[in-house]
N, C-alpha and C. Protein backbone atom coordinates (compact mmCIF):
# COMPACT_ATOMS: atom_id res chain seq x y z
N UNK A 1 -17.35 83.77 -5.03
CA UNK A 1 -16.60 83.36 -6.21
C UNK A 1 -15.32 84.19 -6.31
N UNK A 2 -14.20 83.50 -6.60
CA UNK A 2 -12.93 84.19 -6.76
C UNK A 2 -12.79 84.67 -8.19
N UNK A 3 -12.24 85.88 -8.32
CA UNK A 3 -11.96 86.40 -9.65
C UNK A 3 -10.46 86.36 -9.85
N UNK A 4 -10.01 85.36 -10.57
CA UNK A 4 -8.58 85.21 -10.84
C UNK A 4 -8.37 85.07 -12.33
N UNK A 5 -7.11 85.05 -12.72
CA UNK A 5 -6.81 84.92 -14.14
C UNK A 5 -6.93 83.46 -14.58
N UNK A 6 -7.03 83.29 -15.88
CA UNK A 6 -7.10 81.95 -16.45
C UNK A 6 -5.81 81.17 -16.17
N UNK A 7 -4.67 81.87 -16.22
CA UNK A 7 -3.38 81.23 -15.95
C UNK A 7 -3.32 80.72 -14.52
N UNK A 8 -3.84 81.53 -13.59
CA UNK A 8 -3.87 81.10 -12.18
C UNK A 8 -4.75 79.87 -12.02
N UNK A 9 -5.91 79.89 -12.63
CA UNK A 9 -6.83 78.75 -12.53
C UNK A 9 -6.20 77.47 -13.09
N UNK A 10 -5.50 77.60 -14.21
CA UNK A 10 -4.82 76.44 -14.80
C UNK A 10 -3.77 75.88 -13.84
N UNK A 11 -3.01 76.78 -13.20
CA UNK A 11 -1.97 76.35 -12.26
C UNK A 11 -2.60 75.70 -11.03
N UNK A 12 -3.68 76.30 -10.52
CA UNK A 12 -4.40 75.71 -9.38
C UNK A 12 -4.91 74.32 -9.75
N UNK A 13 -5.47 74.19 -10.94
CA UNK A 13 -5.98 72.89 -11.40
C UNK A 13 -4.86 71.85 -11.48
N UNK A 14 -3.68 72.27 -11.96
CA UNK A 14 -2.56 71.34 -12.06
C UNK A 14 -2.10 70.87 -10.67
N UNK A 15 -1.95 71.81 -9.74
CA UNK A 15 -1.56 71.43 -8.37
C UNK A 15 -2.62 70.55 -7.73
N UNK A 16 -3.90 70.87 -7.95
CA UNK A 16 -4.99 70.10 -7.34
C UNK A 16 -5.08 68.69 -7.92
N UNK A 17 -4.48 68.47 -9.08
CA UNK A 17 -4.50 67.13 -9.67
C UNK A 17 -3.46 66.21 -9.03
N UNK A 18 -2.55 66.78 -8.21
CA UNK A 18 -1.54 65.97 -7.52
C UNK A 18 -2.17 65.23 -6.34
N UNK A 19 -1.64 64.05 -5.99
CA UNK A 19 -2.20 63.31 -4.85
C UNK A 19 -2.09 64.11 -3.56
N UNK A 20 -3.11 64.05 -2.75
CA UNK A 20 -3.23 64.68 -1.42
C UNK A 20 -3.24 66.20 -1.45
N UNK A 21 -3.33 66.82 -2.62
CA UNK A 21 -3.39 68.28 -2.71
C UNK A 21 -4.82 68.69 -3.03
N UNK A 22 -5.45 69.38 -2.09
CA UNK A 22 -6.80 69.90 -2.32
C UNK A 22 -6.74 71.26 -2.98
N UNK A 23 -7.90 71.84 -3.27
CA UNK A 23 -7.94 73.13 -3.97
C UNK A 23 -7.35 74.26 -3.14
N UNK A 24 -7.59 74.26 -1.84
CA UNK A 24 -7.05 75.35 -1.00
C UNK A 24 -5.52 75.32 -0.99
N UNK A 25 -4.97 74.13 -0.83
CA UNK A 25 -3.50 74.00 -0.86
C UNK A 25 -2.98 74.37 -2.25
N UNK A 26 -3.69 73.96 -3.28
CA UNK A 26 -3.29 74.30 -4.66
C UNK A 26 -3.28 75.81 -4.86
N UNK A 27 -4.26 76.50 -4.29
CA UNK A 27 -4.29 77.96 -4.41
C UNK A 27 -3.11 78.58 -3.65
N UNK A 28 -2.82 78.07 -2.44
CA UNK A 28 -1.69 78.60 -1.67
C UNK A 28 -0.38 78.40 -2.43
N UNK A 29 -0.20 77.22 -3.04
CA UNK A 29 1.02 76.97 -3.81
C UNK A 29 1.12 77.91 -5.02
N UNK A 30 -0.01 78.16 -5.67
CA UNK A 30 -0.03 79.06 -6.82
C UNK A 30 0.36 80.48 -6.39
N UNK A 31 -0.23 80.95 -5.29
CA UNK A 31 0.12 82.29 -4.78
C UNK A 31 1.58 82.36 -4.35
N UNK A 32 2.08 81.27 -3.77
CA UNK A 32 3.50 81.22 -3.40
C UNK A 32 4.38 81.43 -4.63
N UNK A 33 4.07 80.69 -5.70
CA UNK A 33 4.87 80.82 -6.94
C UNK A 33 4.79 82.22 -7.51
N UNK A 34 3.63 82.85 -7.41
CA UNK A 34 3.48 84.21 -7.95
C UNK A 34 4.35 85.22 -7.20
N UNK A 35 4.62 84.95 -5.92
CA UNK A 35 5.45 85.86 -5.11
C UNK A 35 6.95 85.68 -5.38
N UNK A 36 7.33 84.61 -6.05
CA UNK A 36 8.75 84.32 -6.28
C UNK A 36 9.27 85.10 -7.48
N UNK A 37 10.60 85.30 -7.51
CA UNK A 37 11.18 86.00 -8.65
C UNK A 37 11.30 85.04 -9.85
N UNK A 38 11.62 85.61 -10.97
CA UNK A 38 11.69 84.85 -12.24
C UNK A 38 12.68 83.69 -12.18
N UNK A 39 13.83 83.91 -11.49
CA UNK A 39 14.86 82.86 -11.45
C UNK A 39 14.35 81.62 -10.70
N UNK A 40 13.55 81.83 -9.64
CA UNK A 40 12.99 80.69 -8.90
C UNK A 40 12.05 79.89 -9.81
N UNK A 41 11.20 80.60 -10.52
CA UNK A 41 10.25 79.94 -11.43
C UNK A 41 11.00 79.17 -12.51
N UNK A 42 12.07 79.76 -13.04
CA UNK A 42 12.88 79.08 -14.06
C UNK A 42 13.49 77.80 -13.50
N UNK A 43 14.05 77.88 -12.28
CA UNK A 43 14.65 76.69 -11.65
C UNK A 43 13.59 75.63 -11.38
N UNK A 44 12.43 76.06 -10.92
CA UNK A 44 11.33 75.13 -10.62
C UNK A 44 10.90 74.40 -11.90
N UNK A 45 10.70 75.15 -12.94
CA UNK A 45 10.29 74.59 -14.23
C UNK A 45 11.36 73.65 -14.79
N UNK A 46 12.63 74.09 -14.69
CA UNK A 46 13.74 73.29 -15.18
C UNK A 46 13.85 71.96 -14.41
N UNK A 47 13.64 72.02 -13.10
CA UNK A 47 13.74 70.79 -12.30
C UNK A 47 12.65 69.79 -12.69
N UNK A 48 11.45 70.27 -13.03
CA UNK A 48 10.38 69.37 -13.47
C UNK A 48 10.72 68.74 -14.82
N UNK A 49 11.28 69.54 -15.72
CA UNK A 49 11.67 69.01 -17.03
C UNK A 49 12.80 67.99 -16.91
N UNK A 50 13.78 68.28 -16.05
CA UNK A 50 14.89 67.34 -15.83
C UNK A 50 14.38 66.05 -15.19
N UNK A 51 13.45 66.18 -14.26
CA UNK A 51 12.86 65.02 -13.61
C UNK A 51 12.27 64.08 -14.66
N UNK A 52 11.48 64.65 -15.56
CA UNK A 52 10.81 63.82 -16.57
C UNK A 52 11.80 63.27 -17.60
N UNK A 53 12.83 64.04 -17.93
CA UNK A 53 13.80 63.60 -18.95
C UNK A 53 14.80 62.59 -18.41
N UNK A 54 15.27 62.79 -17.18
CA UNK A 54 16.40 62.01 -16.67
C UNK A 54 16.04 60.78 -15.85
N UNK A 55 14.90 60.79 -15.21
CA UNK A 55 14.55 59.68 -14.32
C UNK A 55 13.79 58.63 -15.10
N UNK A 56 14.23 57.37 -14.94
CA UNK A 56 13.61 56.24 -15.65
C UNK A 56 13.58 55.04 -14.72
N UNK A 57 13.04 53.95 -15.20
CA UNK A 57 13.03 52.71 -14.42
C UNK A 57 14.39 52.03 -14.49
N UNK A 58 14.83 51.47 -13.38
CA UNK A 58 15.96 50.55 -13.39
C UNK A 58 15.48 49.30 -14.14
N UNK A 59 16.26 48.80 -15.06
CA UNK A 59 15.85 47.65 -15.87
C UNK A 59 15.85 46.35 -15.05
N UNK A 60 16.37 46.40 -13.83
CA UNK A 60 16.41 45.22 -12.97
C UNK A 60 15.29 45.23 -11.93
N UNK A 61 15.25 46.28 -11.11
CA UNK A 61 14.30 46.29 -9.99
C UNK A 61 13.09 47.19 -10.21
N UNK A 62 13.12 48.04 -11.22
CA UNK A 62 12.03 48.95 -11.58
C UNK A 62 11.81 50.07 -10.58
N UNK A 63 12.86 50.37 -9.79
CA UNK A 63 12.83 51.58 -8.98
C UNK A 63 13.16 52.74 -9.91
N UNK A 64 12.86 53.96 -9.49
CA UNK A 64 13.23 55.13 -10.28
C UNK A 64 14.73 55.38 -10.12
N UNK A 65 15.38 55.78 -11.21
CA UNK A 65 16.82 56.01 -11.19
C UNK A 65 17.24 56.90 -12.35
N UNK A 66 18.41 57.49 -12.23
CA UNK A 66 19.00 58.21 -13.36
C UNK A 66 20.08 57.37 -14.02
N UNK A 67 20.51 56.28 -13.37
CA UNK A 67 21.50 55.38 -13.95
C UNK A 67 20.90 53.99 -14.03
N UNK A 68 21.30 53.24 -15.03
CA UNK A 68 20.77 51.89 -15.19
C UNK A 68 21.92 50.90 -15.28
N UNK A 69 22.05 49.95 -14.35
CA UNK A 69 21.13 49.71 -13.24
C UNK A 69 21.25 50.79 -12.16
N UNK A 70 20.25 50.81 -11.27
CA UNK A 70 20.25 51.80 -10.19
C UNK A 70 21.41 51.52 -9.23
N UNK A 71 21.74 52.48 -8.36
CA UNK A 71 22.85 52.27 -7.42
C UNK A 71 22.68 51.05 -6.51
N UNK A 72 21.45 50.71 -6.13
CA UNK A 72 21.23 49.54 -5.26
C UNK A 72 21.54 48.26 -6.03
N UNK A 73 21.03 48.14 -7.24
CA UNK A 73 21.27 46.94 -8.04
C UNK A 73 22.74 46.82 -8.45
N UNK A 74 23.40 47.96 -8.63
CA UNK A 74 24.81 47.95 -9.06
C UNK A 74 25.77 47.69 -7.91
N UNK A 75 25.32 47.82 -6.68
CA UNK A 75 26.21 47.69 -5.52
C UNK A 75 26.69 46.25 -5.35
N UNK A 76 28.00 46.10 -5.17
CA UNK A 76 28.60 44.78 -4.92
C UNK A 76 28.39 44.36 -3.46
N UNK A 77 27.95 45.28 -2.61
CA UNK A 77 27.76 44.98 -1.19
C UNK A 77 26.38 44.38 -0.91
N UNK A 78 25.52 44.33 -1.90
CA UNK A 78 24.17 43.83 -1.72
C UNK A 78 24.10 42.32 -1.96
N UNK A 79 23.31 41.65 -1.14
CA UNK A 79 23.07 40.22 -1.29
C UNK A 79 22.04 40.03 -2.40
N UNK A 80 22.45 39.42 -3.51
CA UNK A 80 21.55 39.26 -4.66
C UNK A 80 20.64 38.04 -4.55
N UNK A 81 20.80 37.25 -3.49
CA UNK A 81 19.96 36.05 -3.36
C UNK A 81 18.65 36.33 -2.61
N UNK A 82 18.48 37.56 -2.14
CA UNK A 82 17.24 37.96 -1.45
C UNK A 82 16.67 39.17 -2.17
N UNK A 83 15.38 39.12 -2.45
CA UNK A 83 14.69 40.25 -3.07
C UNK A 83 13.50 40.64 -2.20
N UNK A 84 13.44 41.91 -1.86
CA UNK A 84 12.31 42.47 -1.11
C UNK A 84 11.36 43.10 -2.13
N UNK A 85 10.12 42.61 -2.17
CA UNK A 85 9.14 43.09 -3.13
C UNK A 85 8.27 44.16 -2.45
N UNK A 86 8.20 45.33 -3.07
CA UNK A 86 7.40 46.44 -2.54
C UNK A 86 6.45 46.95 -3.61
N UNK A 87 5.46 47.73 -3.17
CA UNK A 87 4.48 48.25 -4.11
C UNK A 87 4.99 49.46 -4.88
N UNK A 88 5.64 50.41 -4.18
CA UNK A 88 6.00 51.69 -4.79
C UNK A 88 7.45 52.07 -4.47
N UNK A 89 8.06 52.93 -5.30
CA UNK A 89 9.43 53.40 -5.02
C UNK A 89 9.57 54.04 -3.64
N UNK A 90 8.53 54.71 -3.14
CA UNK A 90 8.59 55.32 -1.80
C UNK A 90 8.86 54.27 -0.74
N UNK A 91 8.39 53.04 -0.97
CA UNK A 91 8.59 51.97 0.00
C UNK A 91 10.06 51.57 0.08
N UNK A 92 10.78 51.63 -1.04
CA UNK A 92 12.23 51.35 -1.03
C UNK A 92 12.92 52.37 -0.12
N UNK A 93 12.56 53.63 -0.29
CA UNK A 93 13.17 54.68 0.53
C UNK A 93 12.88 54.45 2.00
N UNK A 94 11.65 54.06 2.33
CA UNK A 94 11.28 53.83 3.72
C UNK A 94 12.12 52.71 4.33
N UNK A 95 12.32 51.62 3.60
CA UNK A 95 13.11 50.50 4.10
C UNK A 95 14.58 50.87 4.18
N UNK A 96 15.08 51.58 3.18
CA UNK A 96 16.49 51.99 3.17
C UNK A 96 16.83 52.87 4.36
N UNK A 97 15.89 53.71 4.78
CA UNK A 97 16.12 54.60 5.92
C UNK A 97 16.39 53.84 7.21
N UNK A 98 15.94 52.59 7.30
CA UNK A 98 16.16 51.82 8.53
C UNK A 98 17.63 51.41 8.68
N UNK A 99 18.35 51.30 7.56
CA UNK A 99 19.73 50.85 7.61
C UNK A 99 19.87 49.38 8.00
N UNK A 100 18.78 48.61 7.89
CA UNK A 100 18.75 47.20 8.34
C UNK A 100 18.70 46.19 7.20
N UNK A 101 18.52 46.66 5.97
CA UNK A 101 18.32 45.73 4.85
C UNK A 101 19.42 45.95 3.82
N UNK A 102 20.09 44.86 3.42
CA UNK A 102 21.26 44.98 2.54
C UNK A 102 21.17 44.05 1.33
N UNK A 103 19.97 43.83 0.83
CA UNK A 103 19.79 42.97 -0.33
C UNK A 103 19.13 43.77 -1.45
N UNK A 104 18.48 43.08 -2.38
CA UNK A 104 17.88 43.69 -3.56
C UNK A 104 16.40 44.03 -3.32
N UNK A 105 15.84 44.76 -4.26
CA UNK A 105 14.41 45.12 -4.24
C UNK A 105 13.77 44.78 -5.58
N UNK A 106 12.45 44.76 -5.56
CA UNK A 106 11.68 44.75 -6.80
C UNK A 106 10.43 45.58 -6.55
N UNK A 107 10.20 46.59 -7.41
CA UNK A 107 9.07 47.50 -7.25
C UNK A 107 7.97 47.09 -8.23
N UNK A 108 6.79 46.79 -7.69
CA UNK A 108 5.66 46.36 -8.53
C UNK A 108 4.95 47.52 -9.22
N UNK A 109 5.04 48.71 -8.64
CA UNK A 109 4.32 49.90 -9.11
C UNK A 109 2.82 49.73 -8.98
N UNK A 110 2.41 49.33 -7.78
CA UNK A 110 0.99 49.23 -7.46
C UNK A 110 0.66 47.88 -6.85
N UNK A 111 -0.63 47.65 -6.72
CA UNK A 111 -1.11 46.37 -6.20
C UNK A 111 -2.34 45.96 -7.00
N UNK A 112 -2.65 44.67 -6.95
CA UNK A 112 -3.81 44.16 -7.69
C UNK A 112 -5.08 44.77 -7.12
N UNK A 113 -5.94 45.22 -8.00
CA UNK A 113 -7.21 45.80 -7.58
C UNK A 113 -8.24 45.57 -8.68
N UNK A 114 -8.89 44.40 -8.65
CA UNK A 114 -9.84 44.08 -9.71
C UNK A 114 -10.97 45.11 -9.85
N UNK A 115 -11.37 45.75 -8.76
CA UNK A 115 -12.45 46.74 -8.82
C UNK A 115 -12.05 47.96 -9.65
N UNK A 116 -10.76 48.29 -9.63
CA UNK A 116 -10.25 49.41 -10.43
C UNK A 116 -9.65 48.93 -11.75
N UNK A 117 -9.79 47.65 -12.05
CA UNK A 117 -9.28 47.11 -13.31
C UNK A 117 -7.78 46.93 -13.35
N UNK A 118 -7.12 46.84 -12.18
CA UNK A 118 -5.67 46.66 -12.15
C UNK A 118 -5.38 45.17 -11.96
N UNK A 119 -4.88 44.55 -13.01
CA UNK A 119 -4.57 43.13 -12.98
C UNK A 119 -3.07 42.88 -13.01
N UNK A 120 -2.66 41.62 -13.03
CA UNK A 120 -1.22 41.28 -13.03
C UNK A 120 -0.44 41.93 -14.17
N UNK A 121 -1.05 42.08 -15.32
CA UNK A 121 -0.36 42.68 -16.47
C UNK A 121 -0.08 44.16 -16.30
N UNK A 122 -0.74 44.80 -15.34
CA UNK A 122 -0.53 46.23 -15.10
C UNK A 122 0.61 46.49 -14.12
N UNK A 123 1.10 45.44 -13.48
CA UNK A 123 2.19 45.57 -12.50
C UNK A 123 3.45 44.91 -13.04
N UNK A 124 4.56 45.07 -12.33
CA UNK A 124 5.84 44.50 -12.76
C UNK A 124 6.02 43.09 -12.15
N UNK A 125 4.98 42.25 -12.29
CA UNK A 125 5.01 40.90 -11.74
C UNK A 125 5.78 39.96 -12.67
N UNK A 126 5.52 40.03 -13.96
CA UNK A 126 6.23 39.16 -14.92
C UNK A 126 7.74 39.44 -14.85
N UNK A 127 8.10 40.70 -14.67
CA UNK A 127 9.50 41.08 -14.58
C UNK A 127 10.14 40.50 -13.31
N UNK A 128 9.37 40.43 -12.23
CA UNK A 128 9.87 39.81 -10.99
C UNK A 128 10.13 38.33 -11.23
N UNK A 129 9.18 37.62 -11.81
CA UNK A 129 9.31 36.18 -12.04
C UNK A 129 10.54 35.90 -12.91
N UNK A 130 10.82 36.76 -13.89
CA UNK A 130 11.96 36.57 -14.79
C UNK A 130 13.30 36.69 -14.09
N UNK A 131 13.35 37.38 -12.94
CA UNK A 131 14.65 37.59 -12.29
C UNK A 131 14.87 36.69 -11.08
N UNK A 132 14.12 35.62 -10.96
CA UNK A 132 14.21 34.76 -9.77
C UNK A 132 15.26 33.66 -9.85
N UNK A 133 15.95 33.54 -10.96
CA UNK A 133 16.99 32.51 -11.06
C UNK A 133 18.11 32.82 -10.07
N UNK A 134 18.42 31.88 -9.19
CA UNK A 134 19.47 32.06 -8.19
C UNK A 134 19.00 32.76 -6.92
N UNK A 135 17.74 33.14 -6.86
CA UNK A 135 17.19 33.81 -5.68
C UNK A 135 16.77 32.75 -4.66
N UNK A 136 17.14 32.96 -3.40
CA UNK A 136 16.82 32.01 -2.33
C UNK A 136 15.63 32.43 -1.49
N UNK A 137 15.39 33.76 -1.40
CA UNK A 137 14.28 34.24 -0.57
C UNK A 137 13.63 35.46 -1.20
N UNK A 138 12.30 35.48 -1.13
CA UNK A 138 11.51 36.64 -1.51
C UNK A 138 10.86 37.17 -0.24
N UNK A 139 11.08 38.44 0.06
CA UNK A 139 10.41 39.09 1.19
C UNK A 139 9.29 39.94 0.62
N UNK A 140 8.06 39.65 1.01
CA UNK A 140 6.92 40.44 0.55
C UNK A 140 6.67 41.56 1.56
N UNK A 141 6.97 42.78 1.16
CA UNK A 141 6.80 43.95 2.02
C UNK A 141 5.74 44.86 1.42
N UNK A 142 4.55 44.29 1.26
CA UNK A 142 3.45 45.04 0.65
C UNK A 142 2.63 45.72 1.74
N UNK A 143 1.93 46.77 1.34
CA UNK A 143 1.14 47.52 2.30
C UNK A 143 0.06 46.64 2.91
N UNK A 144 -0.21 46.81 4.21
CA UNK A 144 -1.22 45.99 4.90
C UNK A 144 -2.63 46.48 4.57
N UNK A 145 -3.07 46.20 3.35
CA UNK A 145 -4.39 46.59 2.88
C UNK A 145 -5.01 45.39 2.19
N UNK A 146 -6.26 45.49 1.83
CA UNK A 146 -6.93 44.40 1.10
C UNK A 146 -6.20 44.15 -0.21
N UNK A 147 -5.85 45.23 -0.93
CA UNK A 147 -5.14 45.09 -2.20
C UNK A 147 -3.76 44.47 -2.00
N UNK A 148 -3.09 44.87 -0.93
CA UNK A 148 -1.78 44.30 -0.62
C UNK A 148 -1.86 42.81 -0.35
N UNK A 149 -2.91 42.39 0.39
CA UNK A 149 -3.11 40.97 0.69
C UNK A 149 -3.41 40.17 -0.58
N UNK A 150 -4.26 40.72 -1.44
CA UNK A 150 -4.61 40.04 -2.70
C UNK A 150 -3.35 39.87 -3.55
N UNK A 151 -2.55 40.93 -3.63
CA UNK A 151 -1.31 40.88 -4.41
C UNK A 151 -0.35 39.86 -3.82
N UNK A 152 -0.26 39.83 -2.48
CA UNK A 152 0.64 38.89 -1.81
C UNK A 152 0.23 37.45 -2.12
N UNK A 153 -1.04 37.16 -2.03
CA UNK A 153 -1.51 35.79 -2.31
C UNK A 153 -1.25 35.40 -3.76
N UNK A 154 -1.42 36.34 -4.67
CA UNK A 154 -1.14 36.07 -6.08
C UNK A 154 0.34 35.75 -6.28
N UNK A 155 1.21 36.56 -5.66
CA UNK A 155 2.66 36.33 -5.79
C UNK A 155 3.07 34.99 -5.19
N UNK A 156 2.50 34.64 -4.04
CA UNK A 156 2.80 33.35 -3.41
C UNK A 156 2.44 32.21 -4.37
N UNK A 157 1.28 32.33 -5.00
CA UNK A 157 0.82 31.31 -5.95
C UNK A 157 1.79 31.18 -7.14
N UNK A 158 2.34 32.30 -7.58
CA UNK A 158 3.27 32.30 -8.72
C UNK A 158 4.66 31.79 -8.35
N UNK A 159 5.12 32.12 -7.12
CA UNK A 159 6.51 31.84 -6.73
C UNK A 159 6.68 30.47 -6.06
N UNK A 160 5.67 30.01 -5.34
CA UNK A 160 5.80 28.77 -4.57
C UNK A 160 6.29 27.58 -5.41
N UNK A 161 5.81 27.37 -6.64
CA UNK A 161 6.30 26.24 -7.44
C UNK A 161 7.79 26.31 -7.78
N UNK A 162 8.42 27.48 -7.60
CA UNK A 162 9.83 27.66 -7.94
C UNK A 162 10.77 27.26 -6.80
N UNK A 163 10.20 26.78 -5.70
CA UNK A 163 10.97 26.31 -4.55
C UNK A 163 11.89 27.41 -3.99
N UNK A 164 11.32 28.59 -3.82
CA UNK A 164 12.03 29.73 -3.23
C UNK A 164 11.33 30.04 -1.90
N UNK A 165 12.12 30.30 -0.87
CA UNK A 165 11.56 30.66 0.43
C UNK A 165 10.82 31.99 0.28
N UNK A 166 9.58 32.03 0.78
CA UNK A 166 8.77 33.24 0.71
C UNK A 166 8.46 33.68 2.13
N UNK A 167 8.82 34.94 2.45
CA UNK A 167 8.50 35.49 3.77
C UNK A 167 7.73 36.78 3.56
N UNK A 168 7.10 37.22 4.62
CA UNK A 168 6.44 38.52 4.60
C UNK A 168 6.91 39.29 5.81
N UNK A 169 6.91 40.61 5.71
CA UNK A 169 7.33 41.38 6.87
C UNK A 169 6.30 41.20 7.97
N UNK A 170 6.77 41.30 9.21
CA UNK A 170 5.90 41.10 10.37
C UNK A 170 4.82 42.18 10.42
N UNK A 171 3.82 41.91 11.19
CA UNK A 171 2.69 42.81 11.28
C UNK A 171 2.91 43.95 12.26
N UNK A 172 3.99 44.69 12.08
CA UNK A 172 4.22 45.85 12.91
C UNK A 172 3.55 47.08 12.32
N UNK A 173 2.96 46.93 11.16
CA UNK A 173 2.34 48.06 10.47
C UNK A 173 0.82 47.97 10.59
N UNK A 174 0.16 49.06 10.92
CA UNK A 174 -1.29 49.01 11.07
C UNK A 174 -1.99 48.78 9.73
N UNK A 175 -3.10 48.05 9.77
CA UNK A 175 -3.90 47.79 8.57
C UNK A 175 -4.40 49.11 8.00
N UNK A 176 -4.31 49.25 6.69
CA UNK A 176 -4.80 50.44 6.02
C UNK A 176 -3.78 51.56 5.90
N UNK A 177 -2.59 51.37 6.49
CA UNK A 177 -1.57 52.42 6.40
C UNK A 177 -0.64 52.14 5.23
N UNK A 178 0.17 53.12 4.86
CA UNK A 178 1.15 52.97 3.79
C UNK A 178 2.54 52.82 4.39
N UNK A 179 3.33 51.96 3.79
CA UNK A 179 4.69 51.69 4.25
C UNK A 179 5.52 52.97 4.32
N UNK A 180 5.35 53.85 3.34
CA UNK A 180 6.18 55.05 3.27
C UNK A 180 5.99 55.99 4.46
N UNK A 181 4.84 55.88 5.18
CA UNK A 181 4.57 56.78 6.30
C UNK A 181 4.93 56.17 7.65
N UNK A 182 5.37 54.93 7.66
CA UNK A 182 5.76 54.28 8.92
C UNK A 182 7.14 54.76 9.34
N UNK A 183 7.38 54.77 10.65
CA UNK A 183 8.70 55.19 11.14
C UNK A 183 9.71 54.06 10.93
N UNK A 184 11.01 54.42 10.98
CA UNK A 184 12.09 53.48 10.70
C UNK A 184 12.10 52.31 11.67
N UNK A 185 11.84 52.57 12.95
CA UNK A 185 11.87 51.49 13.96
C UNK A 185 10.79 50.45 13.68
N UNK A 186 9.60 50.91 13.30
CA UNK A 186 8.50 49.98 13.00
C UNK A 186 8.84 49.13 11.78
N UNK A 187 9.37 49.76 10.74
CA UNK A 187 9.73 49.02 9.53
C UNK A 187 10.86 48.06 9.82
N UNK A 188 11.84 48.50 10.59
CA UNK A 188 12.98 47.66 10.94
C UNK A 188 12.52 46.40 11.69
N UNK A 189 11.63 46.57 12.68
CA UNK A 189 11.10 45.43 13.44
C UNK A 189 10.29 44.50 12.52
N UNK A 190 9.54 45.10 11.60
CA UNK A 190 8.72 44.30 10.70
C UNK A 190 9.60 43.43 9.79
N UNK A 191 10.72 43.98 9.31
CA UNK A 191 11.62 43.20 8.46
C UNK A 191 12.30 42.11 9.26
N UNK A 192 12.77 42.45 10.45
CA UNK A 192 13.44 41.46 11.31
C UNK A 192 12.49 40.32 11.67
N UNK A 193 11.23 40.64 11.91
CA UNK A 193 10.26 39.64 12.35
C UNK A 193 9.47 39.03 11.22
N UNK A 194 10.00 39.06 10.00
CA UNK A 194 9.26 38.49 8.88
C UNK A 194 9.01 37.01 9.09
N UNK A 195 7.93 36.53 8.51
CA UNK A 195 7.53 35.14 8.69
C UNK A 195 7.44 34.45 7.34
N UNK A 196 7.67 33.17 7.35
CA UNK A 196 7.59 32.40 6.11
C UNK A 196 6.12 32.14 5.79
N UNK A 197 5.79 32.21 4.51
CA UNK A 197 4.41 31.99 4.07
C UNK A 197 4.26 30.57 3.56
């Protein structure tokens, strides 16, 4: 049993509550912070507060941004007749890194998962449907998982009556993986090889 202070335990618990951070990593991060000087801790704390205060959803695509609309939605160089639908903001970053996509995005903030009680009302699906006027193509770039497939089929059912071309990115991504962890070449090939649904 470790004998540490209550403050240390609280900090370890907070780090351990983050995704993919186990208790050992949380302890290492806590000890790292303890070794830093006061100014580092102040900057770290300030950056977290600024993150929560300044970052919000883009009212158009629902990506995270400090300006509304976000820089992608505000860009005159983007093709507004194509929207790439992704699950999470990290997926936008992954696609942007390829340098191959020059249209709009829409972030759902998750995928349908009836077992976890996540339904259409919990995602930004209604917001997507509202912005489809004048859109010619929807690219579904959802993660290749059971939840991603369920979400994709639901979106196809909602969008097909609107007479909009629906494509999905090609299967260059392994089943069960996340888009954000794929390399740029794989994502680039998947976008280029998208297929109509």
